[in-house]
Amino acid sequence: MTFHVLILCTHNSARSVLSEGMLNHLARQRGVDVKAHSAGSSPSGRLNPFALEALRSAGIDPSAYRSKSWDEFTGPEAPLLSLVITVCDSAAAEACPVFMGRAGEAPLRVHWGYPDPSNAEGGDEGKRRAFELTRQAIGYRMLQLLALPLDGPDRLGRAELAEALTAIGRS
């Protein structure tokens, strides 16, 4: 059964999109049944060009990604979520809607904050560097997520998984 992860950031234009791209890419590479999605509470309607550039430079095709509202993940057609990750501090502080989880439980929720690379100094080169460093930091945490036993006989229980996910956010 697919482990669906929703990654939230307020505008769904940079950090959440980088996270969606990295998690899907790394899960495919490793043959892990994980599917990432991203959304925002106030989507900008556009993706940050530096985020798209960072994904392309990592060999990820971002053409299917778009900035979208988290409302798309609350309806009956939405995937049953296992995990919700907030990646910006403003999204972590917002009251989230109710998302449908697996086995009738609400999905686990964790905050893995990253500074906003859009605010980097140094003009375009400074932003480009900040987006690449953010993509790498996200990739590191996504690799840790994918190393966890999410399914199968060795699967972590809900409390153990929550503890492991919180620890990843501190790394």
N, C-alpha and C. Protein backbone atom coordinates (compact mmCIF):
# COMPACT_ATOMS: atom_id res chain seq x y z
N MET A 1 0.85 -1.18 0.00
CA MET A 1 0.00 0.00 0.00
C MET A 1 0.89 1.24 0.00
N THR A 2 0.63 2.15 -0.88
CA THR A 2 1.46 3.34 -1.04
C THR A 2 1.41 4.21 0.21
N PHE A 3 2.57 4.67 0.62
CA PHE A 3 2.75 5.58 1.75
C PHE A 3 2.71 6.99 1.16
N HIS A 4 1.57 7.69 1.32
CA HIS A 4 1.39 9.03 0.74
C HIS A 4 1.84 10.09 1.74
N VAL A 5 2.67 11.02 1.25
CA VAL A 5 3.22 12.10 2.07
C VAL A 5 2.78 13.43 1.45
N LEU A 6 2.17 14.28 2.24
CA LEU A 6 1.81 15.63 1.81
C LEU A 6 2.77 16.61 2.45
N ILE A 7 3.41 17.43 1.62
CA ILE A 7 4.38 18.40 2.10
C ILE A 7 3.78 19.79 1.93
N LEU A 8 3.70 20.53 3.04
CA LEU A 8 3.01 21.82 3.04
C LEU A 8 3.97 22.98 3.27
N CYS A 9 3.73 24.04 2.54
CA CYS A 9 4.37 25.34 2.75
C CYS A 9 3.32 26.37 2.35
N THR A 10 3.38 27.52 2.89
CA THR A 10 2.31 28.49 2.68
C THR A 10 1.98 28.72 1.20
N HIS A 11 2.99 29.01 0.38
CA HIS A 11 2.73 29.38 -1.02
C HIS A 11 2.90 28.24 -2.00
N ASN A 12 3.43 27.10 -1.58
CA ASN A 12 3.64 25.94 -2.45
C ASN A 12 4.34 26.35 -3.75
N SER A 13 5.46 27.06 -3.58
CA SER A 13 6.18 27.52 -4.76
C SER A 13 7.66 27.15 -4.74
N ALA A 14 8.20 26.78 -3.58
CA ALA A 14 9.64 26.53 -3.49
C ALA A 14 9.97 25.31 -2.63
N ARG A 15 10.03 25.47 -1.30
CA ARG A 15 10.48 24.38 -0.43
C ARG A 15 9.60 23.14 -0.52
N SER A 16 8.29 23.30 -0.56
CA SER A 16 7.41 22.13 -0.64
C SER A 16 7.54 21.43 -1.99
N VAL A 17 7.75 22.21 -3.04
CA VAL A 17 7.92 21.63 -4.38
C VAL A 17 9.27 20.92 -4.47
N LEU A 18 10.32 21.52 -3.91
CA LEU A 18 11.62 20.84 -3.86
C LEU A 18 11.48 19.51 -3.11
N SER A 19 10.74 19.52 -2.01
CA SER A 19 10.54 18.31 -1.21
C SER A 19 9.77 17.24 -1.97
N GLU A 20 8.70 17.65 -2.64
CA GLU A 20 7.91 16.71 -3.44
C GLU A 20 8.79 16.07 -4.51
N GLY A 21 9.55 16.90 -5.21
CA GLY A 21 10.40 16.39 -6.28
C GLY A 21 11.47 15.45 -5.76
N MET A 22 12.13 15.83 -4.69
CA MET A 22 13.21 15.00 -4.15
C MET A 22 12.67 13.68 -3.61
N LEU A 23 11.57 13.71 -2.87
CA LEU A 23 11.05 12.47 -2.30
C LEU A 23 10.58 11.52 -3.39
N ASN A 24 9.87 12.02 -4.37
CA ASN A 24 9.43 11.14 -5.46
C ASN A 24 10.61 10.57 -6.23
N HIS A 25 11.60 11.39 -6.51
CA HIS A 25 12.78 10.96 -7.25
C HIS A 25 13.55 9.87 -6.48
N LEU A 26 13.81 10.13 -5.20
CA LEU A 26 14.57 9.19 -4.39
C LEU A 26 13.79 7.90 -4.14
N ALA A 27 12.48 7.99 -3.95
CA ALA A 27 11.66 6.78 -3.75
C ALA A 27 11.69 5.91 -5.00
N ARG A 28 11.57 6.53 -6.17
CA ARG A 28 11.65 5.76 -7.44
C ARG A 28 13.00 5.08 -7.57
N GLN A 29 14.07 5.82 -7.30
CA GLN A 29 15.42 5.26 -7.40
C GLN A 29 15.59 4.04 -6.52
N ARG A 30 14.98 4.06 -5.35
CA ARG A 30 15.16 2.98 -4.37
C ARG A 30 14.07 1.93 -4.43
N GLY A 31 13.09 2.12 -5.29
CA GLY A 31 12.00 1.15 -5.40
C GLY A 31 11.12 1.10 -4.17
N VAL A 32 10.95 2.23 -3.49
CA VAL A 32 10.13 2.31 -2.28
C VAL A 32 8.76 2.86 -2.68
N ASP A 33 7.69 2.25 -2.16
CA ASP A 33 6.33 2.63 -2.51
C ASP A 33 5.88 3.85 -1.70
N VAL A 34 6.49 4.98 -2.00
CA VAL A 34 6.18 6.26 -1.36
C VAL A 34 5.83 7.25 -2.46
N LYS A 35 4.79 8.03 -2.24
CA LYS A 35 4.37 9.04 -3.21
C LYS A 35 4.22 10.37 -2.48
N ALA A 36 4.98 11.37 -2.94
CA ALA A 36 4.93 12.69 -2.34
C ALA A 36 3.98 13.59 -3.12
N HIS A 37 3.35 14.50 -2.40
CA HIS A 37 2.47 15.52 -2.94
C HIS A 37 2.85 16.81 -2.22
N SER A 38 2.57 17.95 -2.82
CA SER A 38 2.81 19.21 -2.11
C SER A 38 1.62 20.13 -2.31
N ALA A 39 1.46 21.04 -1.36
CA ALA A 39 0.35 21.99 -1.42
C ALA A 39 0.65 23.15 -0.47
N GLY A 40 -0.21 24.17 -0.54
CA GLY A 40 -0.05 25.33 0.33
C GLY A 40 -1.37 25.85 0.84
N SER A 41 -1.31 26.58 1.94
CA SER A 41 -2.52 27.18 2.50
C SER A 41 -2.96 28.39 1.67
N SER A 42 -2.00 29.09 1.09
CA SER A 42 -2.27 30.24 0.22
C SER A 42 -1.37 30.12 -1.01
N PRO A 43 -1.67 29.17 -1.89
CA PRO A 43 -0.77 28.93 -3.02
C PRO A 43 -0.59 30.16 -3.90
N SER A 44 0.64 30.34 -4.36
CA SER A 44 0.97 31.51 -5.18
C SER A 44 0.48 31.37 -6.61
N GLY A 45 0.23 30.14 -7.03
CA GLY A 45 -0.19 29.91 -8.40
C GLY A 45 0.97 29.78 -9.37
N ARG A 46 2.18 29.94 -8.87
CA ARG A 46 3.36 29.79 -9.73
C ARG A 46 4.48 29.12 -8.93
N LEU A 47 5.36 28.46 -9.64
CA LEU A 47 6.51 27.83 -9.00
C LEU A 47 7.72 28.74 -9.15
N ASN A 48 8.53 28.80 -8.12
CA ASN A 48 9.71 29.63 -8.15
C ASN A 48 10.68 29.09 -9.20
N PRO A 49 11.15 29.91 -10.13
CA PRO A 49 12.05 29.44 -11.19
C PRO A 49 13.37 28.86 -10.65
N PHE A 50 13.83 29.36 -9.50
CA PHE A 50 15.06 28.80 -8.92
C PHE A 50 14.82 27.39 -8.37
N ALA A 51 13.61 27.13 -7.86
CA ALA A 51 13.27 25.77 -7.41
C ALA A 51 13.24 24.82 -8.60
N LEU A 52 12.64 25.26 -9.70
CA LEU A 52 12.59 24.43 -10.91
C LEU A 52 14.00 24.16 -11.43
N GLU A 53 14.85 25.17 -11.40
CA GLU A 53 16.23 25.02 -11.86
C GLU A 53 16.99 24.02 -10.98
N ALA A 54 16.79 24.10 -9.66
CA ALA A 54 17.47 23.18 -8.74
C ALA A 54 17.02 21.74 -8.98
N LEU A 55 15.73 21.54 -9.23
CA LEU A 55 15.24 20.19 -9.51
C LEU A 55 15.84 19.67 -10.83
N ARG A 56 15.82 20.49 -11.85
CA ARG A 56 16.37 20.07 -13.15
C ARG A 56 17.85 19.71 -13.03
N SER A 57 18.59 20.50 -12.25
CA SER A 57 20.02 20.23 -12.11
C SER A 57 20.28 18.91 -11.38
N ALA A 58 19.29 18.42 -10.64
CA ALA A 58 19.39 17.13 -9.96
C ALA A 58 18.83 15.99 -10.81
N GLY A 59 18.46 16.30 -12.05
CA GLY A 59 17.94 15.27 -12.94
C GLY A 59 16.47 14.98 -12.75
N ILE A 60 15.73 15.91 -12.18
CA ILE A 60 14.31 15.73 -11.90
C ILE A 60 13.51 16.62 -12.85
N ASP A 61 12.55 16.03 -13.53
CA ASP A 61 11.68 16.78 -14.45
C ASP A 61 10.53 17.38 -13.64
N PRO A 62 10.49 18.70 -13.48
CA PRO A 62 9.43 19.33 -12.68
C PRO A 62 8.19 19.72 -13.48
N SER A 63 8.10 19.29 -14.72
CA SER A 63 7.02 19.79 -15.58
C SER A 63 5.62 19.44 -15.08
N ALA A 64 5.47 18.39 -14.30
CA ALA A 64 4.14 18.01 -13.82
C ALA A 64 3.76 18.72 -12.52
N TYR A 65 4.69 19.45 -11.92
CA TYR A 65 4.41 20.10 -10.64
C TYR A 65 3.70 21.43 -10.85
N ARG A 66 2.86 21.79 -9.87
CA ARG A 66 2.15 23.06 -9.93
C ARG A 66 1.86 23.51 -8.50
N SER A 67 1.63 24.79 -8.34
CA SER A 67 1.28 25.35 -7.04
C SER A 67 -0.21 25.11 -6.82
N LYS A 68 -0.55 24.45 -5.71
CA LYS A 68 -1.96 24.11 -5.48
C LYS A 68 -2.33 24.24 -4.00
N SER A 69 -3.61 24.31 -3.76
CA SER A 69 -4.15 24.46 -2.41
C SER A 69 -4.20 23.12 -1.68
N TRP A 70 -4.04 23.20 -0.38
CA TRP A 70 -4.17 21.99 0.42
C TRP A 70 -5.60 21.47 0.43
N ASP A 71 -6.56 22.29 -0.02
CA ASP A 71 -7.95 21.83 -0.11
C ASP A 71 -8.09 20.63 -1.04
N GLU A 72 -7.20 20.49 -2.02
CA GLU A 72 -7.25 19.36 -2.94
C GLU A 72 -7.03 18.02 -2.23
N PHE A 73 -6.53 18.07 -1.00
CA PHE A 73 -6.21 16.84 -0.27
C PHE A 73 -7.18 16.56 0.86
N THR A 74 -8.34 17.24 0.84
CA THR A 74 -9.34 17.03 1.89
C THR A 74 -10.59 16.32 1.39
N GLY A 75 -10.75 16.19 0.10
CA GLY A 75 -11.97 15.61 -0.46
C GLY A 75 -11.93 14.09 -0.57
N PRO A 76 -13.03 13.51 -1.03
CA PRO A 76 -13.13 12.05 -1.11
C PRO A 76 -12.18 11.42 -2.15
N GLU A 77 -11.75 12.19 -3.14
CA GLU A 77 -10.84 11.64 -4.15
C GLU A 77 -9.37 11.77 -3.75
N ALA A 78 -9.10 12.44 -2.64
CA ALA A 78 -7.73 12.66 -2.20
C ALA A 78 -7.10 11.35 -1.75
N PRO A 79 -5.79 11.22 -1.92
CA PRO A 79 -5.12 10.00 -1.44
C PRO A 79 -5.20 9.92 0.08
N LEU A 80 -5.19 8.71 0.59
CA LEU A 80 -5.16 8.50 2.04
C LEU A 80 -3.74 8.77 2.50
N LEU A 81 -3.57 9.80 3.27
CA LEU A 81 -2.24 10.26 3.67
C LEU A 81 -1.73 9.51 4.89
N SER A 82 -0.43 9.22 4.86
CA SER A 82 0.23 8.62 6.01
C SER A 82 0.96 9.67 6.83
N LEU A 83 1.40 10.73 6.14
CA LEU A 83 2.27 11.71 6.78
C LEU A 83 2.05 13.08 6.16
N VAL A 84 2.04 14.12 7.00
CA VAL A 84 2.01 15.52 6.55
C VAL A 84 3.25 16.18 7.14
N ILE A 85 4.07 16.78 6.25
CA ILE A 85 5.29 17.47 6.67
C ILE A 85 5.14 18.94 6.33
N THR A 86 5.33 19.82 7.32
CA THR A 86 5.40 21.25 7.03
C THR A 86 6.87 21.61 6.91
N VAL A 87 7.18 22.46 5.93
CA VAL A 87 8.58 22.80 5.67
C VAL A 87 8.88 24.28 5.84
N CYS A 88 7.87 25.09 6.14
CA CYS A 88 8.14 26.50 6.45
C CYS A 88 7.43 26.82 7.76
N ASP A 89 8.02 27.73 8.51
CA ASP A 89 7.52 28.02 9.85
C ASP A 89 6.10 28.55 9.86
N SER A 90 5.73 29.36 8.85
CA SER A 90 4.37 29.90 8.86
C SER A 90 3.35 28.79 8.64
N ALA A 91 3.66 27.79 7.80
CA ALA A 91 2.73 26.68 7.59
C ALA A 91 2.63 25.82 8.84
N ALA A 92 3.72 25.68 9.58
CA ALA A 92 3.71 24.87 10.80
C ALA A 92 2.79 25.48 11.84
N ALA A 93 2.68 26.80 11.85
CA ALA A 93 1.88 27.49 12.85
C ALA A 93 0.41 27.57 12.47
N GLU A 94 0.07 27.27 11.22
CA GLU A 94 -1.32 27.39 10.78
C GLU A 94 -2.14 26.18 11.20
N ALA A 95 -3.43 26.42 11.40
CA ALA A 95 -4.35 25.31 11.66
C ALA A 95 -4.62 24.62 10.33
N CYS A 96 -4.26 23.36 10.26
CA CYS A 96 -4.45 22.60 9.01
C CYS A 96 -5.87 22.06 8.93
N PRO A 97 -6.35 21.84 7.72
CA PRO A 97 -7.64 21.16 7.59
C PRO A 97 -7.49 19.71 8.00
N VAL A 98 -8.58 19.01 8.05
CA VAL A 98 -8.56 17.59 8.38
C VAL A 98 -8.22 16.82 7.11
N PHE A 99 -7.16 16.05 7.17
CA PHE A 99 -6.76 15.20 6.06
C PHE A 99 -7.12 13.77 6.39
N MET A 100 -7.51 13.03 5.37
CA MET A 100 -7.87 11.63 5.56
C MET A 100 -6.60 10.78 5.59
N GLY A 101 -6.50 9.93 6.59
CA GLY A 101 -5.33 9.08 6.74
C GLY A 101 -5.64 7.62 6.50
N ARG A 102 -4.60 6.83 6.51
CA ARG A 102 -4.73 5.38 6.36
C ARG A 102 -5.36 4.79 7.61
N ALA A 103 -6.06 3.71 7.43
CA ALA A 103 -6.65 2.93 8.53
C ALA A 103 -7.51 3.79 9.45
N GLY A 104 -8.16 4.81 8.90
CA GLY A 104 -9.08 5.63 9.67
C GLY A 104 -8.43 6.57 10.66
N GLU A 105 -7.09 6.65 10.67
CA GLU A 105 -6.39 7.54 11.58
C GLU A 105 -5.95 8.79 10.83
N ALA A 106 -5.87 9.88 11.55
CA ALA A 106 -5.30 11.09 10.94
C ALA A 106 -3.84 10.81 10.61
N PRO A 107 -3.32 11.39 9.54
CA PRO A 107 -1.91 11.17 9.22
C PRO A 107 -1.01 11.77 10.30
N LEU A 108 0.16 11.19 10.45
CA LEU A 108 1.15 11.78 11.34
C LEU A 108 1.51 13.16 10.79
N ARG A 109 1.92 14.05 11.67
CA ARG A 109 2.31 15.40 11.24
C ARG A 109 3.63 15.76 11.91
N VAL A 110 4.55 16.29 11.09
CA VAL A 110 5.87 16.67 11.60
C VAL A 110 6.32 17.94 10.90
N HIS A 111 7.15 18.72 11.59
CA HIS A 111 7.70 19.95 10.99
C HIS A 111 9.19 19.77 10.74
N TRP A 112 9.58 19.95 9.48
CA TRP A 112 11.00 19.94 9.08
C TRP A 112 11.27 21.29 8.44
N GLY A 113 11.65 22.27 9.22
CA GLY A 113 11.81 23.62 8.72
C GLY A 113 13.10 23.84 7.93
N TYR A 114 12.98 24.71 6.95
CA TYR A 114 14.12 25.15 6.13
C TYR A 114 13.99 26.66 5.95
N PRO A 115 15.10 27.40 6.02
CA PRO A 115 15.03 28.83 5.73
C PRO A 115 14.55 29.04 4.29
N ASP A 116 13.87 30.14 4.07
CA ASP A 116 13.35 30.43 2.73
C ASP A 116 14.49 30.85 1.80
N PRO A 117 14.84 30.02 0.81
CA PRO A 117 15.94 30.37 -0.09
C PRO A 117 15.62 31.58 -0.97
N SER A 118 14.35 31.93 -1.07
CA SER A 118 13.95 33.11 -1.86
C SER A 118 14.48 34.39 -1.24
N ASN A 119 14.80 34.34 0.05
CA ASN A 119 15.29 35.53 0.76
C ASN A 119 16.80 35.65 0.75
N ALA A 120 17.48 34.76 0.04
CA ALA A 120 18.95 34.77 0.03
C ALA A 120 19.47 36.07 -0.59
N GLU A 121 20.59 36.52 -0.06
CA GLU A 121 21.25 37.71 -0.59
C GLU A 121 22.20 37.30 -1.70
N GLY A 122 22.68 38.28 -2.44
CA GLY A 122 23.67 38.00 -3.47
C GLY A 122 23.10 37.89 -4.86
N GLY A 123 21.93 38.45 -5.07
CA GLY A 123 21.34 38.42 -6.40
C GLY A 123 20.98 37.02 -6.85
N ASP A 124 20.90 36.84 -8.16
CA ASP A 124 20.50 35.54 -8.72
C ASP A 124 21.45 34.42 -8.32
N GLU A 125 22.75 34.70 -8.30
CA GLU A 125 23.71 33.65 -7.93
C GLU A 125 23.54 33.24 -6.48
N GLY A 126 23.28 34.20 -5.61
CA GLY A 126 23.04 33.88 -4.20
C GLY A 126 21.78 33.04 -4.03
N LYS A 127 20.74 33.38 -4.75
CA LYS A 127 19.49 32.60 -4.69
C LYS A 127 19.71 31.19 -5.26
N ARG A 128 20.40 31.12 -6.38
CA ARG A 128 20.68 29.82 -7.00
C ARG A 128 21.41 28.91 -6.01
N ARG A 129 22.41 29.44 -5.35
CA ARG A 129 23.18 28.68 -4.36
C ARG A 129 22.29 28.27 -3.18
N ALA A 130 21.46 29.20 -2.70
CA ALA A 130 20.58 28.90 -1.57
C ALA A 130 19.56 27.81 -1.93
N PHE A 131 19.02 27.87 -3.13
CA PHE A 131 18.06 26.84 -3.54
C PHE A 131 18.74 25.49 -3.66
N GLU A 132 19.96 25.46 -4.18
CA GLU A 132 20.67 24.18 -4.30
C GLU A 132 21.00 23.61 -2.93
N LEU A 133 21.43 24.45 -2.00
CA LEU A 133 21.72 23.97 -0.64
C LEU A 133 20.45 23.48 0.05
N THR A 134 19.35 24.17 -0.18
CA THR A 134 18.06 23.74 0.39
C THR A 134 17.65 22.40 -0.21
N ARG A 135 17.80 22.24 -1.52
CA ARG A 135 17.47 20.97 -2.17
C ARG A 135 18.31 19.84 -1.58
N GLN A 136 19.59 20.09 -1.35
CA GLN A 136 20.46 19.06 -0.78
C GLN A 136 20.04 18.71 0.65
N ALA A 137 19.70 19.71 1.46
CA ALA A 137 19.26 19.47 2.84
C ALA A 137 17.96 18.66 2.85
N ILE A 138 17.06 19.01 1.96
CA ILE A 138 15.80 18.27 1.84
C ILE A 138 16.09 16.83 1.42
N GLY A 139 16.95 16.66 0.44
CA GLY A 139 17.30 15.31 -0.02
C GLY A 139 17.85 14.45 1.09
N TYR A 140 18.68 15.02 1.95
CA TYR A 140 19.25 14.28 3.07
C TYR A 140 18.15 13.75 4.00
N ARG A 141 17.20 14.61 4.33
CA ARG A 141 16.10 14.17 5.20
C ARG A 141 15.20 13.15 4.50
N MET A 142 14.98 13.33 3.22
CA MET A 142 14.13 12.38 2.49
C MET A 142 14.79 11.01 2.42
N LEU A 143 16.10 10.97 2.30
CA LEU A 143 16.81 9.68 2.34
C LEU A 143 16.62 9.00 3.70
N GLN A 144 16.65 9.79 4.77
CA GLN A 144 16.42 9.24 6.10
C GLN A 144 15.00 8.70 6.23
N LEU A 145 14.03 9.43 5.69
CA LEU A 145 12.64 8.97 5.69
C LEU A 145 12.52 7.64 4.96
N LEU A 146 13.13 7.56 3.79
CA LEU A 146 13.02 6.34 2.98
C LEU A 146 13.75 5.15 3.60
N ALA A 147 14.66 5.40 4.51
CA ALA A 147 15.39 4.31 5.19
C ALA A 147 14.55 3.69 6.31
N LEU A 148 13.47 4.34 6.70
CA LEU A 148 12.62 3.81 7.77
C LEU A 148 11.76 2.66 7.24
N PRO A 149 11.49 1.66 8.07
CA PRO A 149 10.57 0.59 7.65
C PRO A 149 9.12 1.09 7.72
N LEU A 150 8.61 1.56 6.58
CA LEU A 150 7.28 2.17 6.53
C LEU A 150 6.18 1.16 6.28
N ASP A 151 6.52 0.01 5.72
CA ASP A 151 5.55 -1.04 5.41
C ASP A 151 6.18 -2.40 5.64
N GLY A 152 5.38 -3.41 5.57
CA GLY A 152 5.89 -4.77 5.69
C GLY A 152 5.94 -5.24 7.13
N PRO A 153 6.50 -6.41 7.36
CA PRO A 153 6.48 -7.01 8.69
C PRO A 153 7.32 -6.25 9.72
N ASP A 154 8.34 -5.52 9.28
CA ASP A 154 9.19 -4.78 10.20
C ASP A 154 8.74 -3.33 10.40
N ARG A 155 7.59 -3.02 9.87
CA ARG A 155 7.04 -1.66 9.91
C ARG A 155 7.02 -1.11 11.32
N LEU A 156 7.39 0.17 11.44
CA LEU A 156 7.35 0.84 12.73
C LEU A 156 5.91 1.10 13.16
N GLY A 157 5.65 1.01 14.46
CA GLY A 157 4.35 1.40 14.99
C GLY A 157 4.20 2.91 14.91
N ARG A 158 3.00 3.39 15.11
CA ARG A 158 2.71 4.83 14.96
C ARG A 158 3.58 5.68 15.89
N ALA A 159 3.71 5.31 17.14
CA ALA A 159 4.50 6.10 18.10
C ALA A 159 5.98 6.08 17.73
N GLU A 160 6.49 4.92 17.33
CA GLU A 160 7.91 4.82 16.95
C GLU A 160 8.19 5.61 15.68
N LEU A 161 7.25 5.57 14.74
CA LEU A 161 7.41 6.31 13.50
C LEU A 161 7.40 7.82 13.79
N ALA A 162 6.48 8.26 14.64
CA ALA A 162 6.42 9.69 14.99
C ALA A 162 7.72 10.13 15.63
N GLU A 163 8.27 9.32 16.50
CA GLU A 163 9.55 9.64 17.16
C GLU A 163 10.70 9.70 16.14
N ALA A 164 10.74 8.74 15.23
CA ALA A 164 11.79 8.72 14.22
C ALA A 164 11.68 9.93 13.29
N LEU A 165 10.47 10.30 12.90
CA LEU A 165 10.27 11.45 12.03
C LEU A 165 10.66 12.76 12.71
N THR A 166 10.35 12.87 13.98
CA THR A 166 10.74 14.06 14.75
C THR A 166 12.26 14.15 14.84
N ALA A 167 12.92 13.01 15.04
CA ALA A 167 14.38 12.99 15.11
C ALA A 167 15.00 13.42 13.78
N ILE A 168 14.42 13.00 12.68
CA ILE A 168 14.91 13.41 11.36
C ILE A 168 14.85 14.93 11.24
N GLY A 169 13.78 15.53 11.74
CA GLY A 169 13.62 16.98 11.67
C GLY A 169 14.65 17.74 12.49
N ARG A 170 15.25 17.07 13.46
CA ARG A 170 16.29 17.72 14.26
C ARG A 170 17.68 17.55 13.66
N SER A 171 17.78 16.70 12.63
CA SER A 171 19.11 16.42 12.05
C SER A 171 19.51 17.45 11.02
